[in-house]
Protein backbone atom coordinates (compact mmCIF):
# COMPACT_ATOMS: atom_id res chain seq x y z
CA MET A 1 96.31 82.11 122.63
CA SER A 2 94.42 84.26 120.15
CA GLN A 3 96.03 85.36 116.89
CA SER A 4 96.87 89.08 116.80
CA PRO A 5 94.55 91.46 114.92
CA ILE A 6 97.41 92.39 112.61
CA LEU A 7 98.01 88.76 111.59
CA LYS A 8 94.25 88.30 111.05
CA ALA A 9 94.11 91.40 108.85
CA LEU A 10 97.18 90.31 106.88
CA SER A 11 95.58 86.89 106.37
CA SER A 12 92.38 88.46 105.00
CA ILE A 13 94.32 90.72 102.66
CA ARG A 14 96.49 87.84 101.43
CA GLN A 15 93.44 85.62 100.82
CA SER A 16 91.95 88.36 98.63
CA GLY A 17 94.79 87.98 96.14
CA ALA A 18 95.70 91.67 96.46
CA ARG A 19 99.35 92.42 95.80
CA THR A 20 100.72 94.27 98.82
CA LEU A 21 104.08 94.66 100.54
CA LEU A 22 104.39 95.01 104.31
CA MET A 23 106.29 98.09 105.47
CA GLY A 24 106.59 100.34 108.50
CA GLY A 25 106.74 99.17 112.09
CA GLN A 26 105.26 95.73 111.42
CA ALA A 27 107.92 95.04 108.78
CA CYS A 28 110.53 96.00 111.39
CA VAL A 29 108.97 93.53 113.84
CA PHE A 30 108.89 90.81 111.17
CA TYR A 31 112.60 91.28 110.51
CA GLY A 32 113.47 91.17 114.22
CA ALA A 33 113.70 94.81 115.27
CA ALA A 34 112.53 95.74 118.74
CA GLU A 35 110.15 98.33 117.26
CA PHE A 36 106.50 97.89 118.24
CA SER A 37 103.69 99.04 116.00
CA ARG A 38 99.93 98.91 116.40
CA ASP A 39 98.98 99.60 112.79
CA LEU A 40 99.48 97.96 109.42
CA ASP A 41 101.28 99.89 106.65
CA LEU A 42 101.08 98.40 103.17
CA LEU A 43 102.58 99.40 99.85
CA ILE A 44 100.08 98.34 97.20
CA LEU A 45 99.86 97.99 93.44
CA ALA A 46 97.47 100.73 92.31
CA ASP A 47 95.58 99.18 89.43
CA ALA A 48 91.89 98.39 89.04
CA GLY A 49 92.16 94.63 89.51
CA ASN A 50 94.36 94.83 92.59
CA LEU A 51 92.21 97.56 94.13
CA ALA A 52 89.11 95.38 93.62
CA ASN A 53 90.83 92.50 95.45
CA LEU A 54 91.91 94.84 98.21
CA ALA A 55 88.40 96.33 98.51
CA ARG A 56 87.02 92.82 99.11
CA ALA A 57 89.56 92.25 101.86
CA LEU A 58 88.77 95.61 103.44
CA ASP A 59 85.04 94.81 103.29
CA ALA A 60 85.72 91.48 105.02
CA LEU A 61 87.58 93.39 107.75
CA ALA A 62 84.70 95.92 107.99
CA ALA A 63 87.34 98.58 107.35
CA GLU A 64 86.17 102.16 106.84
CA VAL A 65 88.10 105.09 105.39
CA ILE A 66 88.93 107.42 108.28
CA ALA A 67 90.48 110.29 106.33
CA VAL A 68 90.37 111.64 102.81
CA PRO A 69 90.96 110.63 100.06
CA PRO A 70 88.90 107.55 99.23
CA LEU A 71 90.54 104.35 97.94
CA GLU A 72 90.88 105.28 94.28
CA GLU A 73 93.70 104.67 91.83
CA ARG A 74 93.98 108.35 90.89
CA HIS A 75 94.69 109.43 94.48
CA LEU A 76 97.19 106.65 95.12
CA LEU A 77 99.07 107.40 91.90
CA ARG A 78 99.40 111.03 93.01
CA GLY A 79 101.19 109.84 96.16
CA HIS A 80 98.35 110.06 98.66
CA ALA A 81 97.91 107.49 101.42
CA VAL A 82 94.48 106.08 102.27
CA HIS A 83 93.75 105.32 105.92
CA PHE A 84 91.28 102.77 107.27
CA ARG A 85 90.01 101.63 110.67
CA CYS A 86 88.82 98.03 111.00
CA ARG A 87 85.48 97.38 112.70
CA ARG A 88 85.22 93.57 112.51
CA GLU A 89 85.23 92.27 116.08
CA ASP A 90 88.48 90.29 115.94
CA VAL A 91 90.42 93.20 114.38
CA ALA A 92 88.40 96.09 115.86
CA GLY A 93 90.31 99.35 116.01
CA LEU A 94 93.23 98.21 113.85
CA ARG A 95 94.39 100.98 111.53
CA ILE A 96 95.53 100.10 108.00
CA ASP A 97 97.43 102.66 105.91
CA LEU A 98 97.74 102.04 102.15
CA MET A 99 100.21 103.72 99.79
CA SER A 100 101.24 102.96 96.22
CA SER A 101 104.46 104.94 96.04
CA LEU A 102 107.16 106.14 98.39
CA ARG A 103 109.45 109.07 97.70
CA GLY A 104 113.00 107.90 96.99
CA VAL A 105 112.03 104.21 96.79
CA ALA A 106 111.70 101.96 93.74
CA GLY A 107 108.23 101.40 92.29
CA PHE A 108 105.92 98.62 93.44
CA GLU A 109 106.67 96.23 90.55
CA GLU A 110 110.43 96.52 91.09
CA LEU A 111 110.06 95.91 94.83
CA TRP A 112 107.59 93.04 94.25
CA ALA A 113 110.15 91.32 92.03
CA THR A 114 112.62 91.20 94.92
CA VAL A 115 110.39 89.23 97.31
């Protein structure tokens, strides 16, 4: 049986060393909810080093930005999400949504410390 595109994408992102936290439908699935999701939603640390790691992972996944804004610290820090579509054959079509802050939720560093 072939590994799911979402697990392959998560593996690539983890191998990059980027600091991310899984959220959204896939987090629900991970924790046992019956929710089904076809995309990957990640809360990320928006700093230059982490974004460089993440950019390498996205390059490895042949992921392209599909909506504005581009993956830049200044946009993430203003609360914008950045949306990608993977083109690498084994993850083709997978959408990845990246955010660095969520309204009403603790900051990334505080959340990271709890995992």
